[in-house]
C-alpha cells in the first residue's frame, strides 16, 4: 500500500489556518526603496525607478496569468486544487505539482506556481497568485519583486509535520519515516517560503499582503468599499467571512483538525460560531451602514476567537501555531 506523502498532505491544509490572534493589517508602501536588511534586492535606484520596475513586474504577472481567469485553462495546464475549500481571506489555492520544490535564484514571474481563486456569486474568480520556493533555514530569498514591499512568509514543514502527528500514531510513523528519508538523501530544504501577489483584485493592504480582506465582503454580497470603511480591519473581515453557510466550517475546520480537537470541543466551537454568524446576519438584514456592519463583524469574530482560547488547551493552540505562517526574518 502506498501511503500519502505526510508533509505534502499537510501543506494542502495550510490555507485553512489563519493566525490565532487577528491584528489589523497596516498599509504597505509598494513604492518603498532598497533595504539593507533585504539582501535579495538590487542595490541602488530611486523610489520612482523602483516603482516603475515593480509596476512592470506586476503587469508581467497579469499578462502571464490572464488566460487563467478561465479555471478550465488552469486545469488544462496542470493546476490542481489544494484541499476542499477556501482559506479565510485567501480563497482557493490551485498549484502546479512540484512548483514548490523550485531551487531557482529568481522567480519566473510569468508562470507562478499557485493561482488563487475566490468563489463569488457562484463563479470561480481569479484574485491573485503566489510564488513558492523550498529553502534551507537561513537561506536568502530568491530575487523577487523590485523594492522591499514583497513580504515573504514561511512554513517550517518539519515543525508542522511533527505537530500534526502528535497523538496520531500512524501519522507519526509516516512523518518520522519521511524525515529519515529526507536526511538520507541530504534534502534539508524544509522551509516552504511564499509570497502572494494580488494582481487581479486590488488589495487595500498592498499587492503582497498575506491576506485579502476584501474577499469575504464580496462573497457575502457586500460592497468592496466596506473593507476599508470605518471600523474595518482583519478581525472585521474574518467576521464577515462567517456570514455564508460555509463560513464557520472554513474558519474552524482546518484549525480544529490541526489541534486534534475532540468532538465536545468541536461542538462547543461550532455552536459559538453559528450563534455569532446568525447574530451578524440579522444585523446585515437590517441594512446597516459600513461602520455598524464592521463593528458587528469584528465583535462576532472576537467572540469566536475568545471561545476558542477557552475551549482548546495550550498544547492544542501550540499545534495550530506550528502550522501558521510566519514572516521571513
C-alpha atoms as a PDB file:
ATOM      1  CA  UNK A   1       0.000   0.000   0.000  1.00  0.00           C
ATOM      2  CA  UNK A   2       1.352   3.400  -0.950  1.00  0.00           C
ATOM      3  CA  UNK A   3       0.885   5.925   1.833  1.00  0.00           C
ATOM      4  CA  UNK A   4       0.243   9.594   1.010  1.00  0.00           C
ATOM      5  CA  UNK A   5       3.165  11.946   1.430  1.00  0.00           C
ATOM      6  CA  UNK A   6       2.604  13.173   5.027  1.00  0.00           C
ATOM      7  CA  UNK A   7       4.012  16.676   4.586  1.00  0.00           C
ATOM      8  CA  UNK A   8       2.502  17.283   1.155  1.00  0.00           C
ATOM      9  CA  UNK A   9      -0.900  16.455   2.630  1.00  0.00           C
ATOM     10  CA  UNK A  10      -0.326  18.942   5.429  1.00  0.00           C
ATOM     11  CA  UNK A  11       0.758  21.726   3.100  1.00  0.00           C
ATOM     12  CA  UNK A  12      -2.573  21.325   1.322  1.00  0.00           C
ATOM     13  CA  UNK A  13      -4.322  22.125   4.605  1.00  0.00           C
ATOM     14  CA  UNK A  14      -2.319  25.260   5.366  1.00  0.00           C
ATOM     15  CA  UNK A  15      -4.684  27.562   3.538  1.00  0.00           C
ATOM     16  CA  UNK A  16      -7.311  26.964   6.216  1.00  0.00           C
ATOM     17  CA  UNK A  17      -5.131  28.052   9.124  1.00  0.00           C
ATOM     18  CA  UNK A  18      -5.340  31.788   9.814  1.00  0.00           C
ATOM     19  CA  UNK A  19      -3.376  33.265  12.670  1.00  0.00           C
ATOM     20  CA  UNK A  20      -4.974  32.747  16.065  1.00  0.00           C
ATOM     21  CA  UNK A  21      -4.876  36.417  17.051  1.00  0.00           C
ATOM     22  CA  UNK A  22      -6.009  38.670  14.193  1.00  0.00           C
ATOM     23  CA  UNK A  23      -4.343  42.066  14.133  1.00  0.00           C
ATOM     24  CA  UNK A  24      -5.294  44.930  11.831  1.00  0.00           C
ATOM     25  CA  UNK A  25      -3.074  44.943   8.781  1.00  0.00           C
ATOM     26  CA  UNK A  26      -1.079  48.089   8.234  1.00  0.00           C
ATOM     27  CA  UNK A  27      -0.886  49.662   4.805  1.00  0.00           C
ATOM     28  CA  UNK A  28       2.160  48.604   2.798  1.00  0.00           C
ATOM     29  CA  UNK A  29       4.062  51.088   0.675  1.00  0.00           C
ATOM     30  CA  UNK A  30       4.638  49.425  -2.674  1.00  0.00           C
ATOM     31  CA  UNK A  31       6.993  52.265  -3.633  1.00  0.00           C
ATOM     32  CA  UNK A  32       9.472  51.508  -0.849  1.00  0.00           C
ATOM     33  CA  UNK A  33      13.139  51.685  -1.761  1.00  0.00           C
ATOM     34  CA  UNK A  34      16.015  49.281  -1.186  1.00  0.00           C
ATOM     35  CA  UNK A  35      16.547  47.982   2.344  1.00  0.00           C
ATOM     36  CA  UNK A  36      19.906  46.809   3.641  1.00  0.00           C
ATOM     37  CA  UNK A  37      18.032  44.120   5.582  1.00  0.00           C
ATOM     38  CA  UNK A  38      16.811  42.535   2.344  1.00  0.00           C
ATOM     39  CA  UNK A  39      19.884  41.015   0.639  1.00  0.00           C
ATOM     40  CA  UNK A  40      17.909  39.684  -2.319  1.00  0.00           C
ATOM     41  CA  UNK A  41      17.153  43.234  -3.513  1.00  0.00           C
ATOM     42  CA  UNK A  42      19.154  45.027  -6.148  1.00  0.00           C
ATOM     43  CA  UNK A  43      21.009  47.954  -4.569  1.00  0.00           C
ATOM     44  CA  UNK A  44      20.659  51.475  -5.868  1.00  0.00           C
ATOM     45  CA  UNK A  45      17.938  53.279  -7.791  1.00  0.00           C
ATOM     46  CA  UNK A  46      15.498  55.865  -6.525  1.00  0.00           C
ATOM     47  CA  UNK A  47      11.929  55.211  -5.458  1.00  0.00           C
ATOM     48  CA  UNK A  48      10.454  56.326  -8.788  1.00  0.00           C
ATOM     49  CA  UNK A  49      12.595  53.813 -10.692  1.00  0.00           C
ATOM     50  CA  UNK A  50      11.721  51.029  -8.260  1.00  0.00           C
ATOM     51  CA  UNK A  51       8.025  51.887  -8.529  1.00  0.00           C
ATOM     52  CA  UNK A  52       8.229  51.746 -12.319  1.00  0.00           C
ATOM     53  CA  UNK A  53      10.029  48.398 -12.239  1.00  0.00           C
ATOM     54  CA  UNK A  54       7.503  46.990  -9.790  1.00  0.00           C
ATOM     55  CA  UNK A  55       4.585  48.122 -11.952  1.00  0.00           C
ATOM     56  CA  UNK A  56       6.179  46.409 -14.967  1.00  0.00           C
ATOM     57  CA  UNK A  57       6.705  43.211 -12.977  1.00  0.00           C
ATOM     58  CA  UNK A  58       3.131  43.098 -11.731  1.00  0.00           C
ATOM     59  CA  UNK A  59       1.911  43.658 -15.284  1.00  0.00           C
ATOM     60  CA  UNK A  60       4.086  40.740 -16.388  1.00  0.00           C
ATOM     61  CA  UNK A  61       2.359  38.545 -13.801  1.00  0.00           C
ATOM     62  CA  UNK A  62      -1.040  39.700 -15.050  1.00  0.00           C
ATOM     63  CA  UNK A  63      -0.163  39.012 -18.701  1.00  0.00           C
ATOM     64  CA  UNK A  64       1.218  35.603 -17.820  1.00  0.00           C
ATOM     65  CA  UNK A  65      -1.912  34.575 -15.922  1.00  0.00           C
ATOM     66  CA  UNK A  66      -4.688  36.312 -17.889  1.00  0.00           C
ATOM     67  CA  UNK A  67      -5.763  33.062 -19.522  1.00  0.00           C
ATOM     68  CA  UNK A  68      -6.248  31.500 -16.094  1.00  0.00           C
ATOM     69  CA  UNK A  69      -9.196  33.730 -15.384  1.00  0.00           C
ATOM     70  CA  UNK A  70     -10.886  30.742 -17.000  1.00  0.00           C
ATOM     71  CA  UNK A  71     -10.385  27.913 -14.491  1.00  0.00           C
ATOM     72  CA  UNK A  72     -10.565  25.345 -17.289  1.00  0.00           C
ATOM     73  CA  UNK A  73      -7.383  26.806 -18.792  1.00  0.00           C
ATOM     74  CA  UNK A  74      -5.644  26.404 -15.427  1.00  0.00           C
ATOM     75  CA  UNK A  75      -6.750  22.787 -15.193  1.00  0.00           C
ATOM     76  CA  UNK A  76      -5.540  22.140 -18.728  1.00  0.00           C
ATOM     77  CA  UNK A  77      -2.103  23.473 -17.775  1.00  0.00           C
ATOM     78  CA  UNK A  78      -1.831  21.126 -14.809  1.00  0.00           C
ATOM     79  CA  UNK A  79      -3.035  23.231 -11.876  1.00  0.00           C
ATOM     80  CA  UNK A  80      -4.843  21.248  -9.177  1.00  0.00           C
ATOM     81  CA  UNK A  81      -6.636  22.453  -6.064  1.00  0.00           C
ATOM     82  CA  UNK A  82      -5.281  22.272  -2.525  1.00  0.00           C
ATOM     83  CA  UNK A  83      -7.768  20.811  -0.103  1.00  0.00           C
ATOM     84  CA  UNK A  84     -11.532  21.039  -0.399  1.00  0.00           C
ATOM     85  CA  UNK A  85     -12.408  24.665   0.234  1.00  0.00           C
ATOM     86  CA  UNK A  86     -11.229  28.225   0.535  1.00  0.00           C
ATOM     87  CA  UNK A  87      -8.785  29.572   3.075  1.00  0.00           C
ATOM     88  CA  UNK A  88     -10.129  32.531   5.062  1.00  0.00           C
ATOM     89  CA  UNK A  89      -9.115  35.809   3.394  1.00  0.00           C
ATOM     90  CA  UNK A  90      -7.139  33.894   0.744  1.00  0.00           C
ATOM     91  CA  UNK A  91      -9.525  31.865  -1.393  1.00  0.00           C
ATOM     92  CA  UNK A  92      -8.694  28.558  -3.034  1.00  0.00           C
ATOM     93  CA  UNK A  93      -5.092  27.648  -3.846  1.00  0.00           C
ATOM     94  CA  UNK A  94      -4.507  25.862  -7.165  1.00  0.00           C
ATOM     95  CA  UNK A  95      -0.913  24.746  -7.730  1.00  0.00           C
ATOM     96  CA  UNK A  96       1.300  23.116 -10.339  1.00  0.00           C
ATOM     97  CA  UNK A  97       2.697  19.864  -8.981  1.00  0.00           C
ATOM     98  CA  UNK A  98       6.339  20.210  -7.968  1.00  0.00           C
ATOM     99  CA  UNK A  99       6.363  24.004  -8.314  1.00  0.00           C
ATOM    100  CA  UNK A 100       7.089  24.474  -4.590  1.00  0.00           C
ATOM    101  CA  UNK A 101      10.319  22.497  -4.996  1.00  0.00           C
ATOM    102  CA  UNK A 102      11.912  25.156  -7.209  1.00  0.00           C
ATOM    103  CA  UNK A 103      15.503  25.983  -6.356  1.00  0.00           C
ATOM    104  CA  UNK A 104      15.816  28.876  -8.793  1.00  0.00           C
ATOM    105  CA  UNK A 105      17.672  32.020  -7.752  1.00  0.00           C
ATOM    106  CA  UNK A 106      14.917  34.159  -9.246  1.00  0.00           C
ATOM    107  CA  UNK A 107      11.215  33.820  -9.943  1.00  0.00           C
ATOM    108  CA  UNK A 108       9.507  33.147 -13.251  1.00  0.00           C
ATOM    109  CA  UNK A 109       7.036  35.984 -12.857  1.00  0.00           C
ATOM    110  CA  UNK A 110       5.003  34.954 -15.895  1.00  0.00           C
ATOM    111  CA  UNK A 111       4.420  31.448 -14.521  1.00  0.00           C
ATOM    112  CA  UNK A 112       3.547  31.403 -10.818  1.00  0.00           C
ATOM    113  CA  UNK A 113       3.316  28.067  -9.052  1.00  0.00           C
ATOM    114  CA  UNK A 114      -0.005  28.882  -7.373  1.00  0.00           C
ATOM    115  CA  UNK A 115      -3.217  30.538  -8.551  1.00  0.00           C
ATOM    116  CA  UNK A 116      -5.737  31.878  -6.041  1.00  0.00           C
ATOM    117  CA  UNK A 117      -9.461  31.869  -6.753  1.00  0.00           C
ATOM    118  CA  UNK A 118     -12.473  33.010  -4.748  1.00  0.00           C
ATOM    119  CA  UNK A 119     -15.977  31.713  -5.440  1.00  0.00           C
ATOM    120  CA  UNK A 120     -18.155  34.828  -5.755  1.00  0.00           C
ATOM    121  CA  UNK A 121     -21.806  34.652  -6.825  1.00  0.00           C
ATOM    122  CA  UNK A 122     -21.237  31.031  -7.814  1.00  0.00           C
ATOM    123  CA  UNK A 123     -18.317  31.805 -10.143  1.00  0.00           C
ATOM    124  CA  UNK A 124     -14.652  30.998  -9.523  1.00  0.00           C
ATOM    125  CA  UNK A 125     -12.819  34.345  -9.829  1.00  0.00           C
ATOM    126  CA  UNK A 126      -9.026  34.636 -10.145  1.00  0.00           C
ATOM    127  CA  UNK A 127      -7.908  37.106  -7.468  1.00  0.00           C
ATOM    128  CA  UNK A 128      -4.152  36.584  -7.205  1.00  0.00           C
ATOM    129  CA  UNK A 129      -1.162  34.277  -7.399  1.00  0.00           C
ATOM    130  CA  UNK A 130       1.608  33.006  -5.152  1.00  0.00           C
ATOM    131  CA  UNK A 131       5.229  32.034  -5.730  1.00  0.00           C
ATOM    132  CA  UNK A 132       6.772  29.267  -3.615  1.00  0.00           C
ATOM    133  CA  UNK A 133      10.311  28.004  -3.081  1.00  0.00           C
ATOM    134  CA  UNK A 134      11.813  25.398  -0.781  1.00  0.00           C
ATOM    135  CA  UNK A 135      14.741  26.790   1.227  1.00  0.00           C
ATOM    136  CA  UNK A 136      17.071  25.647   3.964  1.00  0.00           C
ATOM    137  CA  UNK A 137      16.757  27.501   7.288  1.00  0.00           C
ATOM    138  CA  UNK A 138      18.656  30.770   6.892  1.00  0.00           C
ATOM    139  CA  UNK A 139      18.878  30.652   3.088  1.00  0.00           C
ATOM    140  CA  UNK A 140      18.496  34.042   1.357  1.00  0.00           C
ATOM    141  CA  UNK A 141      15.317  34.723  -0.562  1.00  0.00           C
ATOM    142  CA  UNK A 142      15.358  34.457  -4.358  1.00  0.00           C
ATOM    143  CA  UNK A 143      15.442  37.660  -6.374  1.00  0.00           C
ATOM    144  CA  UNK A 144      11.829  38.739  -6.361  1.00  0.00           C
ATOM    145  CA  UNK A 145      10.000  41.977  -6.988  1.00  0.00           C
ATOM    146  CA  UNK A 146      11.567  45.430  -7.098  1.00  0.00           C
ATOM    147  CA  UNK A 147      11.737  47.300  -3.812  1.00  0.00           C
ATOM    148  CA  UNK A 148      11.141  45.680  -0.443  1.00  0.00           C
ATOM    149  CA  UNK A 149       7.341  45.524  -0.266  1.00  0.00           C
ATOM    150  CA  UNK A 150       7.077  41.841  -1.228  1.00  0.00           C
ATOM    151  CA  UNK A 151       6.687  40.380   2.240  1.00  0.00           C
ATOM    152  CA  UNK A 152       7.516  36.671   2.165  1.00  0.00           C
ATOM    153  CA  UNK A 153       6.320  34.180   4.745  1.00  0.00           C
ATOM    154  CA  UNK A 154       7.428  30.676   5.647  1.00  0.00           C
ATOM    155  CA  UNK A 155       6.055  27.391   6.895  1.00  0.00           C
ATOM    156  CA  UNK A 156       8.502  25.177   8.783  1.00  0.00           C
ATOM    157  CA  UNK A 157       7.496  21.845   7.271  1.00  0.00           C
ATOM    158  CA  UNK A 158       9.252  19.698   9.887  1.00  0.00           C
ATOM    159  CA  UNK A 159       7.702  21.558  12.804  1.00  0.00           C
ATOM    160  CA  UNK A 160       4.324  21.485  11.077  1.00  0.00           C
ATOM    161  CA  UNK A 161       4.506  17.756  10.331  1.00  0.00           C
ATOM    162  CA  UNK A 162       5.528  16.798  13.840  1.00  0.00           C
ATOM    163  CA  UNK A 163       2.857  18.996  15.401  1.00  0.00           C
ATOM    164  CA  UNK A 164       0.185  17.412  13.221  1.00  0.00           C
ATOM    165  CA  UNK A 165       1.441  13.902  14.040  1.00  0.00           C
ATOM    166  CA  UNK A 166       1.298  14.446  17.797  1.00  0.00           C
ATOM    167  CA  UNK A 167      -1.142  11.978  19.326  1.00  0.00           C
ATOM    168  CA  UNK A 168      -1.718  10.285  15.941  1.00  0.00           C
ATOM    169  CA  UNK A 169       0.406   7.099  15.859  1.00  0.00           C
ATOM    170  CA  UNK A 170       0.047   6.250  12.157  1.00  0.00           C
ATOM    171  CA  UNK A 171       0.736   9.809  11.011  1.00  0.00           C
ATOM    172  CA  UNK A 172       3.658   9.991  13.472  1.00  0.00           C
ATOM    173  CA  UNK A 173       5.173   6.843  11.946  1.00  0.00           C
ATOM    174  CA  UNK A 174       4.706   8.178   8.402  1.00  0.00           C
ATOM    175  CA  UNK A 175       6.161  11.561   9.332  1.00  0.00           C
ATOM    176  CA  UNK A 176       9.274  10.193  11.020  1.00  0.00           C
ATOM    177  CA  UNK A 177       9.796   7.820   8.109  1.00  0.00           C
ATOM    178  CA  UNK A 178       9.614  10.767   5.701  1.00  0.00           C
ATOM    179  CA  UNK A 179      12.017  12.856   7.803  1.00  0.00           C
ATOM    180  CA  UNK A 180      14.521   9.989   7.946  1.00  0.00           C
ATOM    181  CA  UNK A 181      14.351   9.620   4.168  1.00  0.00           C
ATOM    182  CA  UNK A 182      14.990  13.333   3.656  1.00  0.00           C
ATOM    183  CA  UNK A 183      18.078  13.110   5.838  1.00  0.00           C
ATOM    184  CA  UNK A 184      19.381  10.048   3.985  1.00  0.00           C
ATOM    185  CA  UNK A 185      19.201  11.823   0.631  1.00  0.00           C
ATOM    186  CA  UNK A 186      20.586  15.080   2.040  1.00  0.00           C
ATOM    187  CA  UNK A 187      17.394  17.037   1.438  1.00  0.00           C
ATOM    188  CA  UNK A 188      17.203  19.766   4.031  1.00  0.00           C
ATOM    189  CA  UNK A 189      15.125  22.376   2.206  1.00  0.00           C
ATOM    190  CA  UNK A 190      12.412  22.274   4.825  1.00  0.00           C
ATOM    191  CA  UNK A 191      11.194  25.874   4.785  1.00  0.00           C
ATOM    192  CA  UNK A 192       8.244  26.353   2.411  1.00  0.00           C
ATOM    193  CA  UNK A 193       8.651  30.036   1.548  1.00  0.00           C
ATOM    194  CA  UNK A 194       5.924  32.003  -0.239  1.00  0.00           C
ATOM    195  CA  UNK A 195       4.912  35.435  -1.447  1.00  0.00           C
ATOM    196  CA  UNK A 196       1.426  36.404  -2.631  1.00  0.00           C
ATOM    197  CA  UNK A 197       0.768  38.848  -5.467  1.00  0.00           C
ATOM    198  CA  UNK A 198      -2.828  40.074  -5.612  1.00  0.00           C
ATOM    199  CA  UNK A 199      -2.754  41.162  -9.239  1.00  0.00           C
ATOM    200  CA  UNK A 200      -6.405  40.532 -10.141  1.00  0.00           C
ATOM    201  CA  UNK A 201      -8.224  42.053  -7.144  1.00  0.00           C
ATOM    202  CA  UNK A 202      -6.778  45.276  -5.681  1.00  0.00           C
ATOM    203  CA  UNK A 203      -5.766  44.736  -2.064  1.00  0.00           C
ATOM    204  CA  UNK A 204      -6.068  47.701   0.339  1.00  0.00           C
ATOM    205  CA  UNK A 205      -3.084  46.327   2.280  1.00  0.00           C
ATOM    206  CA  UNK A 206      -0.823  46.201  -0.763  1.00  0.00           C
ATOM    207  CA  UNK A 207      -0.264  43.701  -3.589  1.00  0.00           C
ATOM    208  CA  UNK A 208       1.911  41.407  -1.433  1.00  0.00           C
ATOM    209  CA  UNK A 209      -0.167  41.222   1.758  1.00  0.00           C
ATOM    210  CA  UNK A 210      -0.552  37.723   3.209  1.00  0.00           C
ATOM    211  CA  UNK A 211      -4.356  38.089   3.311  1.00  0.00           C
ATOM    212  CA  UNK A 212      -7.009  39.866   1.285  1.00  0.00           C
ATOM    213  CA  UNK A 213      -9.743  41.312   3.467  1.00  0.00           C
ATOM    214  CA  UNK A 214     -11.932  42.381   0.523  1.00  0.00           C
ATOM    215  CA  UNK A 215     -12.688  38.755  -0.420  1.00  0.00           C
ATOM    216  CA  UNK A 216     -15.169  37.952   2.394  1.00  0.00           C
ATOM    217  CA  UNK A 217     -17.154  41.126   1.682  1.00  0.00           C
ATOM    218  CA  UNK A 218     -17.576  40.182  -1.971  1.00  0.00           C
ATOM    219  CA  UNK A 219     -18.510  36.607  -1.050  1.00  0.00           C
ATOM    220  CA  UNK A 220     -21.154  37.940   1.354  1.00  0.00           C
ATOM    221  CA  UNK A 221     -22.598  40.214  -1.342  1.00  0.00           C
ATOM    222  CA  UNK A 222     -21.384  43.395   0.398  1.00  0.00           C
ATOM    223  CA  UNK A 223     -19.625  46.387  -1.196  1.00  0.00           C
ATOM    224  CA  UNK A 224     -15.849  46.031  -1.502  1.00  0.00           C
ATOM    225  CA  UNK A 225     -15.535  49.592  -0.143  1.00  0.00           C
ATOM    226  CA  UNK A 226     -16.753  48.374   3.250  1.00  0.00           C
ATOM    227  CA  UNK A 227     -13.427  46.549   3.688  1.00  0.00           C
ATOM    228  CA  UNK A 228     -11.726  49.935   4.031  1.00  0.00           C
ATOM    229  CA  UNK A 229     -14.552  51.911   5.647  1.00  0.00           C
ATOM    230  CA  UNK A 230     -14.673  52.991   9.293  1.00  0.00           C
ATOM    231  CA  UNK A 231     -14.143  50.078  11.665  1.00  0.00           C
ATOM    232  CA  UNK A 232     -12.663  47.810   9.002  1.00  0.00           C
ATOM    233  CA  UNK A 233      -9.718  45.618   9.939  1.00  0.00           C
ATOM    234  CA  UNK A 234      -8.711  41.969   9.625  1.00  0.00           C
ATOM    235  CA  UNK A 235     -10.907  40.903  12.555  1.00  0.00           C
ATOM    236  CA  UNK A 236     -13.946  42.532  10.930  1.00  0.00           C
ATOM    237  CA  UNK A 237     -13.139  40.817   7.636  1.00  0.00           C
ATOM    238  CA  UNK A 238     -12.910  37.435   9.368  1.00  0.00           C
ATOM    239  CA  UNK A 239     -16.272  38.137  10.978  1.00  0.00           C
ATOM    240  CA  UNK A 240     -17.818  38.898   7.594  1.00  0.00           C
ATOM    241  CA  UNK A 241     -16.351  35.586   6.442  1.00  0.00           C
ATOM    242  CA  UNK A 242     -18.706  33.787   8.850  1.00  0.00           C
ATOM    243  CA  UNK A 243     -21.820  35.032   7.036  1.00  0.00           C
ATOM    244  CA  UNK A 244     -22.059  32.405   4.232  1.00  0.00           C
ATOM    245  CA  UNK A 245     -23.426  28.983   5.189  1.00  0.00           C
ATOM    246  CA  UNK A 246     -19.931  27.501   4.836  1.00  0.00           C
ATOM    247  CA  UNK A 247     -18.268  30.338   6.768  1.00  0.00           C
ATOM    248  CA  UNK A 248     -17.852  28.611  10.131  1.00  0.00           C
ATOM    249  CA  UNK A 249     -16.509  25.463   8.516  1.00  0.00           C
ATOM    250  CA  UNK A 250     -13.897  27.423   6.596  1.00  0.00           C
ATOM    251  CA  UNK A 251     -12.917  29.370   9.700  1.00  0.00           C
ATOM    252  CA  UNK A 252     -12.636  26.401  12.050  1.00  0.00           C
ATOM    253  CA  UNK A 253     -12.239  23.034  10.328  1.00  0.00           C
ATOM    254  CA  UNK A 254      -8.543  23.277   9.455  1.00  0.00           C
ATOM    255  CA  UNK A 255      -7.627  24.721  12.833  1.00  0.00           C
ATOM    256  CA  UNK A 256      -9.516  22.072  14.776  1.00  0.00           C
ATOM    257  CA  UNK A 257      -8.055  19.237  12.708  1.00  0.00           C
ATOM    258  CA  UNK A 258      -4.568  20.560  13.369  1.00  0.00           C
ATOM    259  CA  UNK A 259      -5.360  20.907  17.074  1.00  0.00           C
ATOM    260  CA  UNK A 260      -6.700  17.365  17.286  1.00  0.00           C
ATOM    261  CA  UNK A 261      -9.892  18.746  18.834  1.00  0.00           C
ATOM    262  CA  UNK A 262     -12.297  16.322  20.498  1.00  0.00           C
ATOM    263  CA  UNK A 263     -15.952  16.052  19.493  1.00  0.00           C
ATOM    264  CA  UNK A 264     -17.118  18.078  22.516  1.00  0.00           C
ATOM    265  CA  UNK A 265     -14.583  20.795  21.670  1.00  0.00           C
ATOM    266  CA  UNK A 266     -15.743  20.848  18.061  1.00  0.00           C
ATOM    267  CA  UNK A 267     -19.386  21.083  19.110  1.00  0.00           C
ATOM    268  CA  UNK A 268     -18.696  23.913  21.534  1.00  0.00           C
ATOM    269  CA  UNK A 269     -16.839  25.968  18.961  1.00  0.00           C
ATOM    270  CA  UNK A 270     -19.283  25.213  16.148  1.00  0.00           C
ATOM    271  CA  UNK A 271     -22.159  26.328  18.374  1.00  0.00           C
ATOM    272  CA  UNK A 272     -20.401  29.575  19.286  1.00  0.00           C
ATOM    273  CA  UNK A 273     -19.517  30.268  15.668  1.00  0.00           C
ATOM    274  CA  UNK A 274     -23.018  29.629  14.324  1.00  0.00           C
ATOM    275  CA  UNK A 275     -24.517  31.756  17.109  1.00  0.00           C
ATOM    276  CA  UNK A 276     -22.257  34.681  16.216  1.00  0.00           C
ATOM    277  CA  UNK A 277     -22.809  34.196  12.483  1.00  0.00           C
ATOM    278  CA  UNK A 278     -26.595  34.277  12.909  1.00  0.00           C
ATOM    279  CA  UNK A 279     -26.395  37.436  15.029  1.00  0.00           C
ATOM    280  CA  UNK A 280     -24.305  39.088  12.354  1.00  0.00           C
ATOM    281  CA  UNK A 281     -26.708  38.001   9.595  1.00  0.00           C
ATOM    282  CA  UNK A 282     -29.556  39.670  11.494  1.00  0.00           C
ATOM    283  CA  UNK A 283     -27.540  42.892  11.710  1.00  0.00           C
ATOM    284  CA  UNK A 284     -26.848  42.805   7.982  1.00  0.00           C
ATOM    285  CA  UNK A 285     -30.503  42.098   7.212  1.00  0.00           C
ATOM    286  CA  UNK A 286     -31.268  45.477   8.792  1.00  0.00           C
ATOM    287  CA  UNK A 287     -29.273  47.225   6.027  1.00  0.00           C
ATOM    288  CA  UNK A 288     -26.729  48.905   8.321  1.00  0.00           C
ATOM    289  CA  UNK A 289     -24.065  51.355   7.252  1.00  0.00           C
ATOM    290  CA  UNK A 290     -20.497  50.126   6.815  1.00  0.00           C
ATOM    291  CA  UNK A 291     -19.338  51.250  10.262  1.00  0.00           C
ATOM    292  CA  UNK A 292     -22.133  49.380  12.035  1.00  0.00           C
ATOM    293  CA  UNK A 293     -21.605  46.264   9.944  1.00  0.00           C
ATOM    294  CA  UNK A 294     -17.873  46.256  10.575  1.00  0.00           C
ATOM    295  CA  UNK A 295     -18.342  46.719  14.307  1.00  0.00           C
ATOM    296  CA  UNK A 296     -20.769  43.794  14.492  1.00  0.00           C
ATOM    297  CA  UNK A 297     -18.487  41.630  12.339  1.00  0.00           C
ATOM    298  CA  UNK A 298     -15.457  42.392  14.462  1.00  0.00           C
ATOM    299  CA  UNK A 299     -17.355  41.565  17.647  1.00  0.00           C
ATOM    300  CA  UNK A 300     -18.540  38.273  16.122  1.00  0.00           C
ATOM    301  CA  UNK A 301     -15.056  37.136  15.204  1.00  0.00           C
ATOM    302  CA  UNK A 302     -13.507  38.170  18.505  1.00  0.00           C
ATOM    303  CA  UNK A 303     -16.219  36.226  20.362  1.00  0.00           C
ATOM    304  CA  UNK A 304     -15.375  33.079  18.371  1.00  0.00           C
ATOM    305  CA  UNK A 305     -11.657  33.642  18.898  1.00  0.00           C
ATOM    306  CA  UNK A 306     -12.141  34.153  22.647  1.00  0.00           C
ATOM    307  CA  UNK A 307     -14.221  30.983  22.908  1.00  0.00           C
ATOM    308  CA  UNK A 308     -11.508  29.040  21.091  1.00  0.00           C
ATOM    309  CA  UNK A 309      -8.927  30.178  23.638  1.00  0.00           C
ATOM    310  CA  UNK A 310     -11.114  28.793  26.429  1.00  0.00           C
ATOM    311  CA  UNK A 311     -12.074  25.526  24.734  1.00  0.00           C
ATOM    312  CA  UNK A 312      -8.675  24.496  23.361  1.00  0.00           C
ATOM    313  CA  UNK A 313      -5.718  23.621  25.555  1.00  0.00           C
ATOM    314  CA  UNK A 314      -2.368  25.380  25.412  1.00  0.00           C
ATOM    315  CA  UNK A 315      -0.897  22.327  23.691  1.00  0.00           C
ATOM    316  CA  UNK A 316      -3.613  22.389  21.033  1.00  0.00           C
ATOM    317  CA  UNK A 317      -3.088  26.079  20.398  1.00  0.00           C
ATOM    318  CA  UNK A 318       0.648  25.393  20.049  1.00  0.00           C
ATOM    319  CA  UNK A 319      -0.098  22.860  17.293  1.00  0.00           C
ATOM    320  CA  UNK A 320      -2.060  25.488  15.394  1.00  0.00           C
ATOM    321  CA  UNK A 321       0.764  27.988  15.844  1.00  0.00           C
ATOM    322  CA  UNK A 322       3.229  25.463  14.387  1.00  0.00           C
ATOM    323  CA  UNK A 323       1.256  25.429  11.137  1.00  0.00           C
ATOM    324  CA  UNK A 324       0.601  29.157  10.949  1.00  0.00           C
ATOM    325  CA  UNK A 325       2.662  31.169   8.501  1.00  0.00           C
ATOM    326  CA  UNK A 326       5.492  33.309   9.859  1.00  0.00           C
ATOM    327  CA  UNK A 327       7.169  36.321   8.224  1.00  0.00           C
ATOM    328  CA  UNK A 328      10.661  35.722   6.905  1.00  0.00           C
ATOM    329  CA  UNK A 329      13.134  37.404   9.328  1.00  0.00           C
END
